[in-house]
PDB file of all heavy atoms in Angstrom:
ATOM      1  N   ARG A   1      34.908  84.428 -27.022  1.00  0.00           N
ATOM      2  CA  ARG A   1      36.049  83.472 -27.106  1.00  0.00           C
ATOM      3  C   ARG A   1      36.960  83.672 -25.911  1.00  0.00           C
ATOM      4  O   ARG A   1      37.367  82.697 -25.267  1.00  0.00           O
ATOM      5  CB  ARG A   1      36.801  83.695 -28.406  1.00  0.00           C
ATOM      6  CG  ARG A   1      37.946  82.709 -28.613  1.00  0.00           C
ATOM      7  CD  ARG A   1      38.583  82.878 -29.995  1.00  0.00           C
ATOM      8  NE  ARG A   1      39.722  81.986 -30.167  1.00  0.00           N
ATOM      9  CZ  ARG A   1      40.955  82.279 -29.773  1.00  0.00           C
ATOM     10  NH1 ARG A   1      41.230  83.460 -29.223  1.00  0.00           N
ATOM     11  NH2 ARG A   1      41.932  81.386 -29.961  1.00  0.00           N
ATOM     12  N   GLN A   2      37.271  84.934 -25.609  1.00  0.00           N
ATOM     13  CA  GLN A   2      38.129  85.201 -24.443  1.00  0.00           C
ATOM     14  C   GLN A   2      37.448  84.789 -23.131  1.00  0.00           C
ATOM     15  O   GLN A   2      38.090  84.223 -22.250  1.00  0.00           O
ATOM     16  CB  GLN A   2      38.490  86.685 -24.368  1.00  0.00           C
ATOM     17  CG  GLN A   2      39.567  87.121 -25.353  1.00  0.00           C
ATOM     18  CD  GLN A   2      39.862  88.586 -25.226  1.00  0.00           C
ATOM     19  OE1 GLN A   2      39.297  89.391 -25.976  1.00  0.00           O
ATOM     20  NE2 GLN A   2      40.723  88.949 -24.312  1.00  0.00           N
ATOM     21  N   VAL A   3      36.153  85.049 -23.054  1.00  0.00           N
ATOM     22  CA  VAL A   3      35.426  84.687 -21.820  1.00  0.00           C
ATOM     23  C   VAL A   3      35.415  83.181 -21.681  1.00  0.00           C
ATOM     24  O   VAL A   3      35.648  82.648 -20.545  1.00  0.00           O
ATOM     25  CB  VAL A   3      33.970  85.238 -21.871  1.00  0.00           C
ATOM     26  CG1 VAL A   3      33.170  84.715 -20.674  1.00  0.00           C
ATOM     27  CG2 VAL A   3      33.989  86.770 -21.859  1.00  0.00           C
ATOM     28  N   ALA A   4      35.195  82.440 -22.779  1.00  0.00           N
ATOM     29  CA  ALA A   4      35.154  80.968 -22.699  1.00  0.00           C
ATOM     30  C   ALA A   4      36.509  80.440 -22.284  1.00  0.00           C
ATOM     31  O   ALA A   4      36.634  79.537 -21.442  1.00  0.00           O
ATOM     32  CB  ALA A   4      34.731  80.404 -24.049  1.00  0.00           C
ATOM     33  N   LEU A   5      37.589  80.970 -22.885  1.00  0.00           N
ATOM     34  CA  LEU A   5      38.937  80.545 -22.523  1.00  0.00           C
ATOM     35  C   LEU A   5      39.246  80.843 -21.045  1.00  0.00           C
ATOM     36  O   LEU A   5      39.872  80.032 -20.350  1.00  0.00           O
ATOM     37  CB  LEU A   5      39.970  81.220 -23.414  1.00  0.00           C
ATOM     38  CG  LEU A   5      40.051  80.719 -24.872  1.00  0.00           C
ATOM     39  CD1 LEU A   5      41.019  81.589 -25.670  1.00  0.00           C
ATOM     40  CD2 LEU A   5      40.490  79.259 -24.915  1.00  0.00           C
ATOM     41  N   GLY A   6      38.778  82.022 -20.594  1.00  0.00           N
ATOM     42  CA  GLY A   6      38.981  82.373 -19.183  1.00  0.00           C
ATOM     43  C   GLY A   6      38.237  81.416 -18.256  1.00  0.00           C
ATOM     44  O   GLY A   6      38.781  81.034 -17.201  1.00  0.00           O
ATOM     45  N   ALA A   7      37.017  81.003 -18.654  1.00  0.00           N
ATOM     46  CA  ALA A   7      36.246  80.058 -17.829  1.00  0.00           C
ATOM     47  C   ALA A   7      36.944  78.693 -17.781  1.00  0.00           C
ATOM     48  O   ALA A   7      37.024  78.063 -16.725  1.00  0.00           O
ATOM     49  CB  ALA A   7      34.837  79.934 -18.369  1.00  0.00           C
ATOM     50  N   VAL A   8      37.451  78.248 -18.930  1.00  0.00           N
ATOM     51  CA  VAL A   8      38.189  76.973 -18.980  1.00  0.00           C
ATOM     52  C   VAL A   8      39.426  77.063 -18.088  1.00  0.00           C
ATOM     53  O   VAL A   8      39.759  76.114 -17.341  1.00  0.00           O
ATOM     54  CB  VAL A   8      38.541  76.615 -20.433  1.00  0.00           C
ATOM     55  CG1 VAL A   8      39.507  75.423 -20.464  1.00  0.00           C
ATOM     56  CG2 VAL A   8      37.277  76.300 -21.219  1.00  0.00           C
ATOM     57  N   ALA A   9      40.158  78.172 -18.179  1.00  0.00           N
ATOM     58  CA  ALA A   9      41.340  78.339 -17.361  1.00  0.00           C
ATOM     59  C   ALA A   9      40.995  78.311 -15.863  1.00  0.00           C
ATOM     60  O   ALA A   9      41.721  77.700 -15.056  1.00  0.00           O
ATOM     61  CB  ALA A   9      42.036  79.657 -17.712  1.00  0.00           C
ATOM     62  N   LEU A  10      39.874  78.959 -15.492  1.00  0.00           N
ATOM     63  CA  LEU A  10      39.450  78.927 -14.083  1.00  0.00           C
ATOM     64  C   LEU A  10      39.088  77.516 -13.651  1.00  0.00           C
ATOM     65  O   LEU A  10      39.366  77.111 -12.503  1.00  0.00           O
ATOM     66  CB  LEU A  10      38.254  79.871 -13.890  1.00  0.00           C
ATOM     67  CG  LEU A  10      38.549  81.346 -13.745  1.00  0.00           C
ATOM     68  CD1 LEU A  10      37.268  82.147 -13.620  1.00  0.00           C
ATOM     69  CD2 LEU A  10      39.404  81.605 -12.522  1.00  0.00           C
ATOM     70  N   LEU A  11      38.471  76.746 -14.537  1.00  0.00           N
ATOM     71  CA  LEU A  11      38.151  75.360 -14.214  1.00  0.00           C
ATOM     72  C   LEU A  11      39.420  74.543 -13.956  1.00  0.00           C
ATOM     73  O   LEU A  11      39.501  73.786 -13.007  1.00  0.00           O
ATOM     74  CB  LEU A  11      37.356  74.735 -15.371  1.00  0.00           C
ATOM     75  CG  LEU A  11      36.914  73.267 -15.206  1.00  0.00           C
ATOM     76  CD1 LEU A  11      36.035  73.142 -13.972  1.00  0.00           C
ATOM     77  CD2 LEU A  11      36.221  72.780 -16.452  1.00  0.00           C
ATOM     78  N   VAL A  12      40.423  74.764 -14.812  1.00  0.00           N
ATOM     79  CA  VAL A  12      41.707  74.058 -14.607  1.00  0.00           C
ATOM     80  C   VAL A  12      42.327  74.477 -13.280  1.00  0.00           C
ATOM     81  O   VAL A  12      42.831  73.621 -12.505  1.00  0.00           O
ATOM     82  CB  VAL A  12      42.669  74.350 -15.776  1.00  0.00           C
ATOM     83  CG1 VAL A  12      44.064  73.815 -15.500  1.00  0.00           C
ATOM     84  CG2 VAL A  12      42.109  73.799 -17.078  1.00  0.00           C
ATOM     85  N   VAL A  13      42.315  75.751 -12.965  1.00  0.00           N
ATOM     86  CA  VAL A  13      42.872  76.255 -11.714  1.00  0.00           C
ATOM     87  C   VAL A  13      42.177  75.591 -10.511  1.00  0.00           C
ATOM     88  O   VAL A  13      42.842  75.125  -9.556  1.00  0.00           O
ATOM     89  CB  VAL A  13      42.724  77.781 -11.605  1.00  0.00           C
ATOM     90  CG1 VAL A  13      42.998  78.262 -10.196  1.00  0.00           C
ATOM     91  CG2 VAL A  13      43.670  78.472 -12.579  1.00  0.00           C
ATOM     92  N   ASN A  14      40.870  75.509 -10.559  1.00  0.00           N
ATOM     93  CA  ASN A  14      40.132  74.923  -9.412  1.00  0.00           C
ATOM     94  C   ASN A  14      40.304  73.422  -9.324  1.00  0.00           C
ATOM     95  O   ASN A  14      40.304  72.859  -8.214  1.00  0.00           O
ATOM     96  CB  ASN A  14      38.659  75.320  -9.519  1.00  0.00           C
ATOM     97  CG  ASN A  14      38.404  76.739  -9.064  1.00  0.00           C
ATOM     98  OD1 ASN A  14      38.376  77.027  -7.873  1.00  0.00           O
ATOM     99  ND2 ASN A  14      38.275  77.652 -10.039  1.00  0.00           N
ATOM    100  N   LEU A  15      40.423  72.756 -10.464  1.00  0.00           N
ATOM    101  CA  LEU A  15      40.712  71.310 -10.425  1.00  0.00           C
ATOM    102  C   LEU A  15      42.064  71.060  -9.797  1.00  0.00           C
ATOM    103  O   LEU A  15      42.205  70.132  -8.974  1.00  0.00           O
ATOM    104  CB  LEU A  15      40.649  70.742 -11.848  1.00  0.00           C
ATOM    105  CG  LEU A  15      39.259  70.585 -12.459  1.00  0.00           C
ATOM    106  CD1 LEU A  15      39.350  70.197 -13.928  1.00  0.00           C
ATOM    107  CD2 LEU A  15      38.419  69.564 -11.711  1.00  0.00           C
ATOM    108  N   LEU A  16      43.065  71.836 -10.168  1.00  0.00           N
ATOM    109  CA  LEU A  16      44.368  71.682  -9.559  1.00  0.00           C
ATOM    110  C   LEU A  16      44.335  72.061  -8.078  1.00  0.00           C
ATOM    111  O   LEU A  16      45.004  71.439  -7.259  1.00  0.00           O
ATOM    112  CB  LEU A  16      45.384  72.557 -10.287  1.00  0.00           C
ATOM    113  CG  LEU A  16      45.772  72.086 -11.686  1.00  0.00           C
ATOM    114  CD1 LEU A  16      46.621  73.146 -12.394  1.00  0.00           C
ATOM    115  CD2 LEU A  16      46.537  70.775 -11.630  1.00  0.00           C
ATOM    116  N   GLY A  17      43.508  73.077  -7.767  1.00  0.00           N
ATOM    117  CA  GLY A  17      43.375  73.492  -6.370  1.00  0.00           C
ATOM    118  C   GLY A  17      42.768  72.408  -5.483  1.00  0.00           C
ATOM    119  O   GLY A  17      43.060  72.300  -4.292  1.00  0.00           O
ATOM    120  N   VAL A  18      41.933  71.561  -6.065  1.00  0.00           N
ATOM    121  CA  VAL A  18      41.352  70.412  -5.335  1.00  0.00           C
ATOM    122  C   VAL A  18      42.351  69.240  -5.309  1.00  0.00           C
ATOM    123  O   VAL A  18      42.470  68.517  -4.309  1.00  0.00           O
ATOM    124  CB  VAL A  18      40.038  69.985  -5.982  1.00  0.00           C
ATOM    125  CG1 VAL A  18      39.532  68.662  -5.376  1.00  0.00           C
ATOM    126  CG2 VAL A  18      38.977  71.055  -5.831  1.00  0.00           C
ATOM    127  N   ALA A  19      43.106  69.072  -6.405  1.00  0.00           N
ATOM    128  CA  ALA A  19      44.007  67.916  -6.491  1.00  0.00           C
ATOM    129  C   ALA A  19      45.224  68.058  -5.594  1.00  0.00           C
ATOM    130  O   ALA A  19      45.709  67.050  -5.032  1.00  0.00           O
ATOM    131  CB  ALA A  19      44.440  67.742  -7.942  1.00  0.00           C
ATOM    132  N   ILE A  20      45.735  69.252  -5.431  1.00  0.00           N
ATOM    133  CA  ILE A  20      46.981  69.454  -4.640  1.00  0.00           C
ATOM    134  C   ILE A  20      46.793  69.018  -3.196  1.00  0.00           C
ATOM    135  O   ILE A  20      47.643  68.255  -2.659  1.00  0.00           O
ATOM    136  CB  ILE A  20      47.475  70.899  -4.768  1.00  0.00           C
ATOM    137  CG1 ILE A  20      48.010  71.151  -6.176  1.00  0.00           C
ATOM    138  CG2 ILE A  20      48.557  71.200  -3.734  1.00  0.00           C
ATOM    139  CD1 ILE A  20      48.385  72.588  -6.447  1.00  0.00           C
ATOM    140  N   PRO A  21      45.753  69.442  -2.465  1.00  0.00           N
ATOM    141  CA  PRO A  21      45.578  68.955  -1.082  1.00  0.00           C
ATOM    142  C   PRO A  21      45.454  67.437  -1.004  1.00  0.00           C
ATOM    143  O   PRO A  21      45.939  66.810  -0.034  1.00  0.00           O
ATOM    144  CB  PRO A  21      44.308  69.663  -0.607  1.00  0.00           C
ATOM    145  CG  PRO A  21      44.222  70.876  -1.446  1.00  0.00           C
ATOM    146  CD  PRO A  21      44.746  70.470  -2.763  1.00  0.00           C
ATOM    147  N   LEU A  22      44.797  66.795  -1.972  1.00  0.00           N
ATOM    148  CA  LEU A  22      44.696  65.338  -1.962  1.00  0.00           C
ATOM    149  C   LEU A  22      46.071  64.717  -2.141  1.00  0.00           C
ATOM    150  O   LEU A  22      46.389  63.683  -1.509  1.00  0.00           O
ATOM    151  CB  LEU A  22      43.755  64.869  -3.084  1.00  0.00           C
ATOM    152  CG  LEU A  22      42.287  65.290  -2.937  1.00  0.00           C
ATOM    153  CD1 LEU A  22      41.472  64.819  -4.139  1.00  0.00           C
ATOM    154  CD2 LEU A  22      41.696  64.739  -1.652  1.00  0.00           C
ATOM    155  N   GLN A  23      46.879  65.331  -2.994  1.00  0.00           N
ATOM    156  CA  GLN A  23      48.247  64.841  -3.156  1.00  0.00           C
ATOM    157  C   GLN A  23      49.050  65.025  -1.861  1.00  0.00           C
ATOM    158  O   GLN A  23      49.832  64.124  -1.479  1.00  0.00           O
ATOM    159  CB  GLN A  23      48.926  65.632  -4.311  1.00  0.00           C
ATOM    160  CG  GLN A  23      50.209  65.016  -4.815  1.00  0.00           C
ATOM    161  CD  GLN A  23      49.984  63.708  -5.562  1.00  0.00           C
ATOM    162  OE1 GLN A  23      48.896  63.508  -6.119  1.00  0.00           O
ATOM    163  NE2 GLN A  23      50.949  62.825  -5.537  1.00  0.00           N
ATOM    164  N   VAL A  24      48.870  66.145  -1.185  1.00  0.00           N
ATOM    165  CA  VAL A  24      49.549  66.369   0.088  1.00  0.00           C
ATOM    166  C   VAL A  24      49.090  65.346   1.129  1.00  0.00           C
ATOM    167  O   VAL A  24      49.894  64.821   1.908  1.00  0.00           O
ATOM    168  CB  VAL A  24      49.268  67.819   0.591  1.00  0.00           C
ATOM    169  CG1 VAL A  24      49.795  68.005   2.029  1.00  0.00           C
ATOM    170  CG2 VAL A  24      49.944  68.824  -0.337  1.00  0.00           C
ATOM    171  N   ARG A  25      47.792  65.045   1.134  1.00  0.00           N
ATOM    172  CA  ARG A  25      47.271  64.036   2.074  1.00  0.00           C
ATOM    173  C   ARG A  25      47.995  62.713   1.873  1.00  0.00           C
ATOM    174  O   ARG A  25      48.396  62.041   2.826  1.00  0.00           O
ATOM    175  CB  ARG A  25      45.757  63.870   1.875  1.00  0.00           C
ATOM    176  CG  ARG A  25      45.158  62.805   2.806  1.00  0.00           C
ATOM    177  CD  ARG A  25      43.676  62.598   2.550  1.00  0.00           C
ATOM    178  NE  ARG A  25      43.428  62.004   1.235  1.00  0.00           N
ATOM    179  CZ  ARG A  25      42.239  61.554   0.846  1.00  0.00           C
ATOM    180  NH1 ARG A  25      41.204  61.668   1.664  1.00  0.00           N
ATOM    181  NH2 ARG A  25      42.106  61.027  -0.354  1.00  0.00           N
ATOM    182  N   GLY A  26      48.143  62.309   0.605  1.00  0.00           N
ATOM    183  CA  GLY A  26      48.812  61.053   0.347  1.00  0.00           C
ATOM    184  C   GLY A  26      50.242  61.031   0.843  1.00  0.00           C
ATOM    185  O   GLY A  26      50.743  60.027   1.394  1.00  0.00           O
ATOM    186  N   VAL A  27      50.963  62.164   0.644  1.00  0.00           N
ATOM    187  CA  VAL A  27      52.345  62.256   1.101  1.00  0.00           C
ATOM    188  C   VAL A  27      52.438  62.165   2.610  1.00  0.00           C
ATOM    189  O   VAL A  27      53.264  61.427   3.179  1.00  0.00           O
ATOM    190  CB  VAL A  27      52.984  63.566   0.594  1.00  0.00           C
ATOM    191  CG1 VAL A  27      54.402  63.739   1.205  1.00  0.00           C
ATOM    192  CG2 VAL A  27      53.090  63.576  -0.910  1.00  0.00           C
ATOM    193  N   VAL A  28      51.584  62.932   3.314  1.00  0.00           N
ATOM    194  CA  VAL A  28      51.613  62.918   4.790  1.00  0.00           C
ATOM    195  C   VAL A  28      51.260  61.543   5.329  1.00  0.00           C
ATOM    196  O   VAL A  28      51.919  61.025   6.255  1.00  0.00           O
ATOM    197  CB  VAL A  28      50.650  63.992   5.349  1.00  0.00           C
ATOM    198  CG1 VAL A  28      50.558  63.890   6.861  1.00  0.00           C
ATOM    199  CG2 VAL A  28      51.144  65.375   4.953  1.00  0.00           C
ATOM    200  N   ASN A  29      50.237  60.932   4.772  1.00  0.00           N
ATOM    201  CA  ASN A  29      49.878  59.596   5.248  1.00  0.00           C
ATOM    202  C   ASN A  29      50.984  58.579   4.952  1.00  0.00           C
ATOM    203  O   ASN A  29      51.240  57.658   5.730  1.00  0.00           O
ATOM    204  CB  ASN A  29      48.576  59.138   4.579  1.00  0.00           C
ATOM    205  CG  ASN A  29      47.379  59.855   5.131  1.00  0.00           C
ATOM    206  OD1 ASN A  29      47.421  60.401   6.256  1.00  0.00           O
ATOM    207  ND2 ASN A  29      46.285  59.902   4.382  1.00  0.00           N
ATOM    208  N   GLY A  30      51.686  58.777   3.833  1.00  0.00           N
ATOM    209  CA  GLY A  30      52.807  57.878   3.519  1.00  0.00           C
ATOM    210  C   GLY A  30      53.940  58.007   4.474  1.00  0.00           C
ATOM    211  O   GLY A  30      54.669  57.034   4.754  1.00  0.00           O
ATOM    212  N   LEU A  31      54.130  59.214   5.045  1.00  0.00           N
ATOM    213  CA  LEU A  31      55.203  59.410   6.021  1.00  0.00           C
ATOM    214  C   LEU A  31      54.969  58.638   7.307  1.00  0.00           C
ATOM    215  O   LEU A  31      55.895  58.239   8.004  1.00  0.00           O
ATOM    216  CB  LEU A  31      55.333  60.921   6.359  1.00  0.00           C
ATOM    217  CG  LEU A  31      55.842  61.831   5.225  1.00  0.00           C
ATOM    218  CD1 LEU A  31      55.815  63.270   5.672  1.00  0.00           C
ATOM    219  CD2 LEU A  31      57.252  61.443   4.829  1.00  0.00           C
ATOM    220  N   GLN A  32      53.692  58.393   7.654  1.00  0.00           N
ATOM    221  CA  GLN A  32      53.382  57.670   8.877  1.00  0.00           C
ATOM    222  C   GLN A  32      53.730  56.189   8.780  1.00  0.00           C
ATOM    223  O   GLN A  32      53.997  55.529   9.754  1.00  0.00           O
ATOM    224  CB  GLN A  32      51.874  57.820   9.187  1.00  0.00           C
ATOM    225  CG  GLN A  32      51.469  59.240   9.546  1.00  0.00           C
ATOM    226  CD  GLN A  32      49.949  59.345   9.755  1.00  0.00           C
ATOM    227  OE1 GLN A  32      49.202  59.148   8.807  1.00  0.00           O
ATOM    228  NE2 GLN A  32      49.547  59.591  10.967  1.00  0.00           N
ATOM    229  N   GLU A  33      53.700  55.653   7.595  1.00  0.00           N
ATOM    230  CA  GLU A  33      53.855  54.217   7.405  1.00  0.00           C
ATOM    231  C   GLU A  33      55.288  53.837   7.028  1.00  0.00           C
ATOM    232  O   GLU A  33      55.561  52.699   6.664  1.00  0.00           O
ATOM    233  CB  GLU A  33      52.870  53.733   6.316  1.00  0.00           C
ATOM    234  CG  GLU A  33      51.451  54.029   6.645  1.00  0.00           C
ATOM    235  CD  GLU A  33      50.530  53.874   5.417  1.00  0.00           C
ATOM    236  OE1 GLU A  33      51.071  53.592   4.329  1.00  0.00           O
ATOM    237  OE2 GLU A  33      49.313  54.078   5.552  1.00  0.00           O
ATOM    238  N   GLY A  34      56.180  54.797   7.073  1.00  0.00           N
ATOM    239  CA  GLY A  34      57.528  54.560   6.585  1.00  0.00           C
ATOM    240  C   GLY A  34      57.639  55.025   5.154  1.00  0.00           C
ATOM    241  O   GLY A  34      56.690  54.899   4.375  1.00  0.00           O
ATOM    242  N   PHE A  35      58.767  55.600   4.799  1.00  0.00           N
ATOM    243  CA  PHE A  35      58.859  56.212   3.472  1.00  0.00           C
ATOM    244  C   PHE A  35      60.294  56.151   2.976  1.00  0.00           C
ATOM    245  O   PHE A  35      61.219  55.971   3.749  1.00  0.00           O
ATOM    246  CB  PHE A  35      58.404  57.657   3.552  1.00  0.00           C
ATOM    247  CG  PHE A  35      59.255  58.508   4.439  1.00  0.00           C
ATOM    248  CD1 PHE A  35      60.312  59.232   3.910  1.00  0.00           C
ATOM    249  CD2 PHE A  35      59.037  58.556   5.821  1.00  0.00           C
ATOM    250  CE1 PHE A  35      61.131  59.988   4.773  1.00  0.00           C
ATOM    251  CE2 PHE A  35      59.828  59.318   6.631  1.00  0.00           C
ATOM    252  CZ  PHE A  35      60.878  60.047   6.120  1.00  0.00           C
ATOM    253  N   SER A  36      60.400  56.382   1.664  1.00  0.00           N
ATOM    254  CA  SER A  36      61.717  56.549   1.044  1.00  0.00           C
ATOM    255  C   SER A  36      61.877  57.999   0.609  1.00  0.00           C
ATOM    256  O   SER A  36      60.925  58.611   0.140  1.00  0.00           O
ATOM    257  CB  SER A  36      61.904  55.634  -0.154  1.00  0.00           C
ATOM    258  OG  SER A  36      61.063  56.057  -1.216  1.00  0.00           O
ATOM    259  N   LEU A  37      63.074  58.528   0.804  1.00  0.00           N
ATOM    260  CA  LEU A  37      63.302  59.953   0.480  1.00  0.00           C
ATOM    261  C   LEU A  37      63.060  60.216  -1.000  1.00  0.00           C
ATOM    262  O   LEU A  37      62.506  61.255  -1.397  1.00  0.00           O
ATOM    263  CB  LEU A  37      64.741  60.340   0.860  1.00  0.00           C
ATOM    264  CG  LEU A  37      65.147  61.797   0.599  1.00  0.00           C
ATOM    265  CD1 LEU A  37      64.236  62.730   1.409  1.00  0.00           C
ATOM    266  CD2 LEU A  37      66.607  62.032   0.964  1.00  0.00           C
ATOM    267  N   ALA A  38      63.441  59.277  -1.831  1.00  0.00           N
ATOM    268  CA  ALA A  38      63.255  59.482  -3.283  1.00  0.00           C
ATOM    269  C   ALA A  38      61.784  59.621  -3.633  1.00  0.00           C
ATOM    270  O   ALA A  38      61.392  60.442  -4.445  1.00  0.00           O
ATOM    271  CB  ALA A  38      63.883  58.292  -4.041  1.00  0.00           C
ATOM    272  N   ALA A  39      60.941  58.781  -2.991  1.00  0.00           N
ATOM    273  CA  ALA A  39      59.482  58.843  -3.251  1.00  0.00           C
ATOM    274  C   ALA A  39      58.885  60.185  -2.794  1.00  0.00           C
ATOM    275  O   ALA A  39      58.082  60.794  -3.473  1.00  0.00           O
ATOM    276  CB  ALA A  39      58.771  57.674  -2.593  1.00  0.00           C
ATOM    277  N   VAL A  40      59.365  60.629  -1.614  1.00  0.00           N
ATOM    278  CA  VAL A  40      58.857  61.928  -1.112  1.00  0.00           C
ATOM    279  C   VAL A  40      59.286  63.072  -2.038  1.00  0.00           C
ATOM    280  O   VAL A  40      58.489  63.975  -2.310  1.00  0.00           O
ATOM    281  CB  VAL A  40      59.363  62.167   0.338  1.00  0.00           C
ATOM    282  CG1 VAL A  40      59.026  63.575   0.791  1.00  0.00           C
ATOM    283  CG2 VAL A  40      58.761  61.148   1.291  1.00  0.00           C
ATOM    284  N   LEU A  41      60.528  62.998  -2.484  1.00  0.00           N
ATOM    285  CA  LEU A  41      61.002  64.062  -3.379  1.00  0.00           C
ATOM    286  C   LEU A  41      60.218  64.075  -4.695  1.00  0.00           C
ATOM    287  O   LEU A  41      59.900  65.145  -5.237  1.00  0.00           O
ATOM    288  CB  LEU A  41      62.511  63.888  -3.664  1.00  0.00           C
ATOM    289  CG  LEU A  41      63.430  64.183  -2.479  1.00  0.00           C
ATOM    290  CD1 LEU A  41      64.888  63.883  -2.844  1.00  0.00           C
ATOM    291  CD2 LEU A  41      63.284  65.643  -2.027  1.00  0.00           C
ATOM    292  N   ARG A  42      59.904  62.869  -5.198  1.00  0.00           N
ATOM    293  CA  ARG A  42      59.110  62.799  -6.425  1.00  0.00           C
ATOM    294  C   ARG A  42      57.724  63.412  -6.190  1.00  0.00           C
ATOM    295  O   ARG A  42      57.230  64.169  -7.042  1.00  0.00           O
ATOM    296  CB  ARG A  42      58.982  61.344  -6.892  1.00  0.00           C
ATOM    297  CG  ARG A  42      60.229  60.819  -7.591  1.00  0.00           C
ATOM    298  CD  ARG A  42      59.911  59.524  -8.365  1.00  0.00           C
ATOM    299  NE  ARG A  42      59.349  58.494  -7.488  1.00  0.00           N
ATOM    300  CZ  ARG A  42      60.098  57.598  -6.838  1.00  0.00           C
ATOM    301  NH1 ARG A  42      61.431  57.646  -6.929  1.00  0.00           N
ATOM    302  NH2 ARG A  42      59.535  56.683  -6.092  1.00  0.00           N
ATOM    303  N   GLN A  43      57.126  63.097  -5.064  1.00  0.00           N
ATOM    304  CA  GLN A  43      55.811  63.656  -4.733  1.00  0.00           C
ATOM    305  C   GLN A  43      55.877  65.173  -4.562  1.00  0.00           C
ATOM    306  O   GLN A  43      55.020  65.932  -5.033  1.00  0.00           O
ATOM    307  CB  GLN A  43      55.262  63.016  -3.455  1.00  0.00           C
ATOM    308  CG  GLN A  43      54.952  61.537  -3.577  1.00  0.00           C
ATOM    309  CD  GLN A  43      53.741  61.286  -4.476  1.00  0.00           C
ATOM    310  OE1 GLN A  43      52.857  62.122  -4.604  1.00  0.00           O
ATOM    311  NE2 GLN A  43      53.724  60.142  -5.126  1.00  0.00           N
ATOM    312  N   ALA A  44      56.951  65.613  -3.913  1.00  0.00           N
ATOM    313  CA  ALA A  44      57.111  67.068  -3.687  1.00  0.00           C
ATOM    314  C   ALA A  44      57.300  67.797  -5.024  1.00  0.00           C
ATOM    315  O   ALA A  44      56.720  68.877  -5.264  1.00  0.00           O
ATOM    316  CB  ALA A  44      58.315  67.338  -2.787  1.00  0.00           C
ATOM    317  N   LEU A  45      58.098  67.171  -5.926  1.00  0.00           N
ATOM    318  CA  LEU A  45      58.287  67.773  -7.248  1.00  0.00           C
ATOM    319  C   LEU A  45      56.972  67.851  -8.011  1.00  0.00           C
ATOM    320  O   LEU A  45      56.677  68.845  -8.701  1.00  0.00           O
ATOM    321  CB  LEU A  45      59.327  66.973  -8.005  1.00  0.00           C
ATOM    322  CG  LEU A  45      59.682  67.498  -9.412  1.00  0.00           C
ATOM    323  CD1 LEU A  45      60.256  68.913  -9.328  1.00  0.00           C
ATOM    324  CD2 LEU A  45      60.661  66.561 -10.110  1.00  0.00           C
ATOM    325  N   LEU A  46      56.154  66.805  -7.890  1.00  0.00           N
ATOM    326  CA  LEU A  46      54.846  66.802  -8.564  1.00  0.00           C
ATOM    327  C   LEU A  46      53.945  67.918  -8.017  1.00  0.00           C
ATOM    328  O   LEU A  46      53.284  68.625  -8.778  1.00  0.00           O
ATOM    329  CB  LEU A  46      54.185  65.444  -8.373  1.00  0.00           C
ATOM    330  CG  LEU A  46      52.775  65.299  -8.972  1.00  0.00           C
ATOM    331  CD1 LEU A  46      52.791  65.531 -10.471  1.00  0.00           C
ATOM    332  CD2 LEU A  46      52.180  63.914  -8.628  1.00  0.00           C
TER     333      LEU A  46
END
């Protein structure tokens, strides 16, 4: 049970580890096209 929970937790960690750079990519690309500070702050908070 502990091993299974640990594996699920690792899966969540790695999914987030893949999602965060994609989120950063979207923010950086958004800065090139013009941006609003409120939108950037929301993305940064996320």
